[in-house]
Amino acid sequence: MRVGNWSKDVANSLSKFVFNIAVPALLFDTMSRFSSLPPVDARLLIAFFGSCVIVFIAGRLLAWKLFKLDGVAQSVFALGGIYSNNVFLGIPLAKMTLGEEALPPVALVIAFNALLLWTLVTISTEWARHGSLSMKGFAKTAKNVLTNPIVASILLGLLYDATGLPLPALLKMPLQMTSQAAAPMALIVLGMGLAEYGIKEGWQQSVVITSLKLIMQPLVVWMLARALGLPKMETQAIVMLASISVAVNVYLMADQFKTMKAPIASSMVLSTLLAAITTPIAIALTS
């Protein structure tokens, strides 16, 4: 992106294709065969999202004590410590390092991820602003999540699997071909998107956010998974997801609330660079 001086529109267009077509095709193809895949232990949701609550609270406290941020900025700061780049990084990594059997646990987390985490930060920011929760705000969040192509493809795949019908060849072949392109294209899009951000502005806060994301969250997830007695595959999958870099969705939230944009952008770049080292270590240790 930088050497070729490509327009930002190129990255945006490719990102839309990956997010709206390629990754949904992969998830629909996988979830349409859900009943034939190894069963998923639903306790992984308790381990993963339990860690999100713990780390989110820790993040708000650190933002308050270390940087004297207000309630809204604290919420965005804390969200950076728990919201992983699971679509553009988690799905391809799971497929390439853990195999296709890891995709159902990953899809289960992703299906709940957006709804639960956006709801958590919405409640936190609404409370910080008004001292109460707006049901209108929650309804808008739920609608946006359910119409998200990633979540919709997971739900539609599960519904099709429930019919017991095999996918017709006319649909199955292009789905599988598009699915094969999803992982490498997602990684390319990630790199292209990061090209517009730097790591200088707000670096002190981004270092703390990155530490929460790459160290504290995977550690808490692993501890909860051990306490719940999760099987090896589910444990590996959720620890890997927890160890992944900060998602661009956090930057969108920072932009929406007009706070923490520079530190979040810095943490996206910094956590992606460091996760290239820490995520393989996390996968190796849980194996």
Protein backbone atom coordinates (compact mmCIF):
# COMPACT_ATOMS: atom_id res chain seq x y z
CA MET A 1 0.00 0.00 0.00
CA ARG A 2 2.74 2.47 0.93
CA VAL A 3 5.39 1.58 -1.67
CA GLY A 4 2.86 1.42 -4.49
CA ASN A 5 1.01 4.51 -3.22
CA TRP A 6 -2.31 2.74 -3.75
CA SER A 7 -5.54 4.55 -3.07
CA LYS A 8 -7.34 3.79 0.19
CA ASP A 9 -10.36 2.89 -1.97
CA VAL A 10 -8.52 -0.26 -3.12
CA ALA A 11 -8.21 -1.53 0.45
CA ASN A 12 -11.80 -0.54 1.24
CA SER A 13 -13.18 -2.37 -1.80
CA LEU A 14 -11.21 -5.54 -1.09
CA SER A 15 -12.20 -5.35 2.57
CA LYS A 16 -15.88 -5.18 1.59
CA PHE A 17 -15.49 -8.25 -0.63
CA VAL A 18 -13.77 -10.25 2.13
CA PHE A 19 -16.20 -9.15 4.86
CA ASN A 20 -19.40 -9.43 2.80
CA ILE A 21 -18.67 -12.40 0.52
CA ALA A 22 -15.49 -14.43 1.06
CA VAL A 23 -15.56 -14.95 4.85
CA PRO A 24 -19.39 -15.39 4.96
CA ALA A 25 -19.03 -18.05 2.25
CA LEU A 26 -16.43 -19.87 4.37
CA LEU A 27 -18.60 -19.70 7.50
CA PHE A 28 -21.82 -20.70 5.73
CA ASP A 29 -20.07 -23.66 4.07
CA THR A 30 -18.68 -24.79 7.44
CA MET A 31 -21.85 -24.28 9.48
CA SER A 32 -24.05 -25.95 6.86
CA ARG A 33 -22.13 -29.14 7.79
CA PHE A 34 -22.20 -28.44 11.53
CA SER A 35 -23.99 -31.66 12.51
CA SER A 36 -21.32 -33.78 10.77
CA LEU A 37 -18.44 -32.02 12.56
CA PRO A 38 -17.13 -32.88 16.06
CA PRO A 39 -19.45 -31.50 18.78
CA VAL A 40 -18.61 -28.13 20.33
CA ASP A 41 -18.52 -27.68 24.10
CA ALA A 42 -20.67 -24.62 24.85
CA ARG A 43 -18.70 -23.99 28.07
CA LEU A 44 -16.15 -22.26 25.87
CA LEU A 45 -18.54 -19.28 25.75
CA ILE A 46 -18.33 -18.98 29.55
CA ALA A 47 -14.53 -19.13 29.44
CA PHE A 48 -14.14 -16.65 26.59
CA PHE A 49 -16.75 -14.08 27.55
CA GLY A 50 -16.06 -14.48 31.26
CA SER A 51 -12.52 -13.35 30.48
CA CYS A 52 -13.92 -10.42 28.51
CA VAL A 53 -15.83 -9.16 31.56
CA ILE A 54 -12.80 -9.57 33.85
CA VAL A 55 -10.37 -7.85 31.48
CA PHE A 56 -12.89 -5.12 30.63
CA ILE A 57 -13.24 -4.22 34.32
CA ALA A 58 -9.44 -4.26 34.71
CA GLY A 59 -9.11 -2.04 31.62
CA ARG A 60 -11.54 0.54 32.96
CA LEU A 61 -9.72 0.65 36.28
CA LEU A 62 -6.34 1.11 34.59
CA ALA A 63 -7.71 3.82 32.31
CA TRP A 64 -9.09 5.62 35.35
CA LYS A 65 -6.09 5.24 37.65
CA LEU A 66 -3.21 5.58 35.16
CA PHE A 67 -4.58 8.05 32.61
CA LYS A 68 -7.47 9.79 34.45
CA LEU A 69 -9.84 9.17 31.53
CA ASP A 70 -13.57 9.88 31.67
CA GLY A 71 -16.18 7.10 31.65
CA VAL A 72 -16.67 6.99 27.86
CA ALA A 73 -12.93 6.96 27.14
CA GLN A 74 -12.48 4.27 29.81
CA SER A 75 -15.05 2.09 28.03
CA VAL A 76 -13.34 2.40 24.63
CA PHE A 77 -9.93 1.85 26.27
CA ALA A 78 -11.19 -1.33 27.98
CA LEU A 79 -12.86 -2.59 24.79
CA GLY A 80 -9.45 -2.50 23.09
CA GLY A 81 -8.24 -5.06 25.62
CA ILE A 82 -10.93 -7.63 24.77
CA TYR A 83 -12.10 -7.17 21.16
CA SER A 84 -9.99 -9.43 18.91
CA ASN A 85 -9.61 -9.18 15.14
CA ASN A 86 -11.35 -12.55 14.85
CA VAL A 87 -12.78 -12.18 11.34
CA PHE A 88 -9.72 -11.01 9.40
CA LEU A 89 -7.14 -12.82 11.55
CA GLY A 90 -8.86 -15.39 13.79
CA ILE A 91 -10.66 -17.34 11.06
CA PRO A 92 -7.65 -17.75 8.73
CA LEU A 93 -5.33 -18.58 11.64
CA ALA A 94 -7.73 -21.16 13.04
CA LYS A 95 -8.09 -22.84 9.66
CA MET A 96 -4.36 -22.87 8.92
CA THR A 97 -2.97 -23.77 12.35
CA LEU A 98 -5.68 -25.82 14.08
CA GLY A 99 -7.53 -27.26 11.08
CA GLU A 100 -11.14 -27.14 9.92
CA GLU A 101 -12.37 -28.82 13.12
CA ALA A 102 -11.49 -25.58 14.95
CA LEU A 103 -13.86 -23.49 12.82
CA PRO A 104 -17.11 -24.42 14.67
CA PRO A 105 -15.76 -23.26 18.07
CA VAL A 106 -14.42 -20.11 16.42
CA ALA A 107 -17.73 -19.49 14.65
CA LEU A 108 -19.62 -19.96 17.92
CA VAL A 109 -17.51 -17.28 19.60
CA ILE A 110 -17.83 -14.92 16.63
CA ALA A 111 -21.61 -15.35 16.53
CA PHE A 112 -21.89 -14.04 20.09
CA ASN A 113 -18.83 -11.79 20.05
CA ALA A 114 -20.24 -8.73 18.34
CA LEU A 115 -23.58 -8.78 20.15
CA LEU A 116 -22.16 -9.31 23.65
CA LEU A 117 -19.14 -7.01 23.41
CA TRP A 118 -20.91 -4.17 21.63
CA THR A 119 -23.70 -4.49 24.19
CA LEU A 120 -21.18 -4.41 27.03
CA VAL A 121 -19.49 -1.23 25.81
CA THR A 122 -22.85 0.35 24.91
CA ILE A 123 -24.11 -0.21 28.46
CA SER A 124 -20.82 1.09 29.85
CA THR A 125 -20.81 4.28 27.75
CA GLU A 126 -24.54 4.95 28.20
CA TRP A 127 -24.14 4.60 31.94
CA ALA A 128 -21.10 6.89 31.93
CA ARG A 129 -23.00 9.51 29.94
CA HIS A 130 -26.52 9.36 31.35
CA GLY A 131 -26.45 7.06 34.37
CA SER A 132 -28.97 4.76 32.68
CA LEU A 133 -29.35 2.34 29.74
CA SER A 134 -31.31 3.29 26.65
CA MET A 135 -33.38 0.41 25.25
CA LYS A 136 -33.38 2.18 21.90
CA GLY A 137 -29.59 2.02 21.87
CA PHE A 138 -29.62 -1.70 22.75
CA ALA A 139 -32.22 -2.45 20.03
CA LYS A 140 -30.09 -0.65 17.45
CA THR A 141 -27.03 -2.65 18.54
CA ALA A 142 -28.93 -5.96 18.30
CA LYS A 143 -30.24 -5.10 14.83
CA ASN A 144 -26.78 -4.13 13.55
CA VAL A 145 -25.28 -7.37 14.88
CA LEU A 146 -27.95 -9.70 13.48
CA THR A 147 -27.74 -8.11 10.02
CA ASN A 148 -23.94 -8.33 10.07
CA PRO A 149 -22.86 -10.60 7.13
CA ILE A 150 -20.57 -12.66 9.37
CA VAL A 151 -23.21 -13.39 12.02
CA ALA A 152 -25.94 -13.85 9.39
CA SER A 153 -23.87 -16.42 7.46
CA ILE A 154 -23.31 -18.44 10.65
CA LEU A 155 -27.02 -18.42 11.54
CA LEU A 156 -28.13 -19.24 7.97
CA GLY A 157 -25.60 -22.07 7.78
CA LEU A 158 -26.96 -23.57 11.01
CA LEU A 159 -30.54 -23.25 9.75
CA TYR A 160 -29.63 -25.00 6.49
CA ASP A 161 -27.84 -27.76 8.41
CA ALA A 162 -31.02 -28.28 10.45
CA THR A 163 -32.94 -29.13 7.26
CA GLY A 164 -30.71 -32.18 6.71
CA LEU A 165 -30.43 -31.40 2.99
CA PRO A 166 -27.06 -31.59 1.21
CA LEU A 167 -25.91 -28.46 -0.59
CA PRO A 168 -26.58 -28.71 -4.35
CA ALA A 169 -23.43 -28.86 -6.49
CA LEU A 170 -24.40 -25.59 -8.18
CA LEU A 171 -24.03 -23.83 -4.82
CA LYS A 172 -21.44 -26.05 -3.13
CA MET A 173 -18.65 -25.66 -5.71
CA PRO A 174 -18.53 -21.83 -5.85
CA LEU A 175 -18.91 -21.68 -2.07
CA GLN A 176 -15.88 -23.92 -1.56
CA MET A 177 -13.81 -22.06 -4.15
CA THR A 178 -14.61 -18.70 -2.56
CA SER A 179 -13.95 -20.18 0.89
CA GLN A 180 -10.43 -21.16 -0.14
CA ALA A 181 -9.68 -17.53 -0.99
CA ALA A 182 -11.06 -16.16 2.28
CA ALA A 183 -8.07 -16.82 4.57
CA PRO A 184 -5.23 -15.36 2.45
CA MET A 185 -7.35 -12.43 1.28
CA ALA A 186 -8.34 -11.59 4.87
CA LEU A 187 -4.67 -11.37 5.86
CA ILE A 188 -3.88 -9.15 2.85
CA VAL A 189 -6.76 -6.84 3.74
CA LEU A 190 -5.51 -6.64 7.33
CA GLY A 191 -2.09 -5.46 6.18
CA MET A 192 -3.54 -2.99 3.68
CA GLY A 193 -5.81 -1.52 6.34
CA LEU A 194 -3.01 -1.07 8.87
CA ALA A 195 -0.93 0.88 6.34
CA GLU A 196 -2.86 4.08 7.11
CA TYR A 197 -2.12 4.06 10.85
CA GLY A 198 1.01 4.78 12.88
CA ILE A 199 2.11 3.99 16.43
CA LYS A 200 3.55 7.32 17.64
CA GLU A 201 0.44 9.15 18.85
CA GLY A 202 -0.97 7.95 22.16
CA TRP A 203 1.68 5.24 22.46
CA GLN A 204 1.63 5.10 26.28
CA GLN A 205 -2.04 4.17 26.33
CA SER A 206 -1.63 1.82 23.36
CA VAL A 207 1.10 -0.11 25.21
CA VAL A 208 -1.28 -0.78 28.12
CA ILE A 209 -4.14 -1.72 25.78
CA THR A 210 -1.83 -4.08 23.88
CA SER A 211 -0.66 -5.67 27.15
CA LEU A 212 -4.27 -6.30 28.19
CA LYS A 213 -5.08 -7.77 24.78
CA LEU A 214 -2.06 -9.98 24.16
CA ILE A 215 -1.10 -11.02 27.69
CA MET A 216 -3.91 -10.65 30.21
CA GLN A 217 -6.88 -11.82 28.13
CA PRO A 218 -5.35 -15.06 26.78
CA LEU A 219 -4.04 -15.85 30.27
CA VAL A 220 -7.47 -15.34 31.87
CA VAL A 221 -9.15 -17.37 29.11
CA TRP A 222 -6.70 -20.23 29.64
CA MET A 223 -7.27 -20.18 33.41
CA LEU A 224 -11.06 -20.24 33.00
CA ALA A 225 -10.82 -23.01 30.38
CA ARG A 226 -8.71 -25.09 32.77
CA ALA A 227 -11.12 -24.45 35.64
CA LEU A 228 -14.08 -25.55 33.48
CA GLY A 229 -12.24 -28.62 32.17
CA LEU A 230 -12.63 -27.66 28.50
CA PRO A 231 -11.34 -30.16 25.90
CA LYS A 232 -8.05 -29.45 24.16
CA MET A 233 -9.47 -28.20 20.83
CA GLU A 234 -11.88 -25.72 22.41
CA THR A 235 -9.15 -24.48 24.77
CA GLN A 236 -6.70 -23.96 21.91
CA ALA A 237 -9.31 -22.19 19.80
CA ILE A 238 -10.42 -19.66 22.41
CA VAL A 239 -6.90 -18.97 23.72
CA MET A 240 -5.84 -18.31 20.13
CA LEU A 241 -8.80 -15.93 19.62
CA ALA A 242 -8.01 -14.13 22.87
CA SER A 243 -4.36 -13.69 21.87
CA ILE A 244 -5.16 -11.97 18.57
CA SER A 245 -4.61 -8.25 17.98
CA VAL A 246 -7.07 -5.39 18.56
CA ALA A 247 -9.93 -5.31 16.03
CA VAL A 248 -10.78 -2.40 13.76
CA ASN A 249 -14.26 -2.42 15.33
CA VAL A 250 -12.73 -0.77 18.40
CA TYR A 251 -11.51 2.08 16.21
CA LEU A 252 -15.03 2.41 14.79
CA MET A 253 -16.35 2.67 18.35
CA ALA A 254 -13.70 5.30 19.18
CA ASP A 255 -14.70 7.24 16.09
CA GLN A 256 -18.39 6.97 17.00
CA PHE A 257 -17.84 8.38 20.49
CA LYS A 258 -15.13 10.86 19.36
CA THR A 259 -12.55 9.67 21.89
CA MET A 260 -9.34 7.59 22.05
CA LYS A 261 -8.95 7.43 18.24
CA ALA A 262 -5.16 7.87 18.19
CA PRO A 263 -4.36 5.39 21.01
CA ILE A 264 -6.70 2.78 19.54
CA ALA A 265 -5.18 3.17 16.07
CA SER A 266 -1.72 2.82 17.61
CA SER A 267 -2.75 -0.26 19.58
CA MET A 268 -4.12 -1.89 16.40
CA VAL A 269 -0.73 -1.59 14.69
CA LEU A 270 1.36 -2.43 17.77
CA SER A 271 -0.75 -5.43 18.81
CA THR A 272 -0.74 -6.83 15.25
CA LEU A 273 3.05 -6.63 15.06
CA LEU A 274 3.54 -8.24 18.49
CA ALA A 275 0.81 -10.85 17.98
CA ALA A 276 2.91 -12.29 15.15
CA ILE A 277 5.12 -13.52 18.00
CA THR A 278 2.75 -13.98 20.94
CA THR A 279 -0.10 -15.80 19.17
CA PRO A 280 2.09 -18.66 17.87
CA ILE A 281 3.51 -18.96 21.40
CA ALA A 282 -0.02 -19.14 22.85
CA ILE A 283 -1.00 -21.83 20.33
CA ALA A 284 2.17 -23.82 21.08
CA LEU A 285 1.73 -23.62 24.85
CA THR A 286 -1.89 -24.82 24.74
CA SER A 287 -1.00 -27.73 22.49
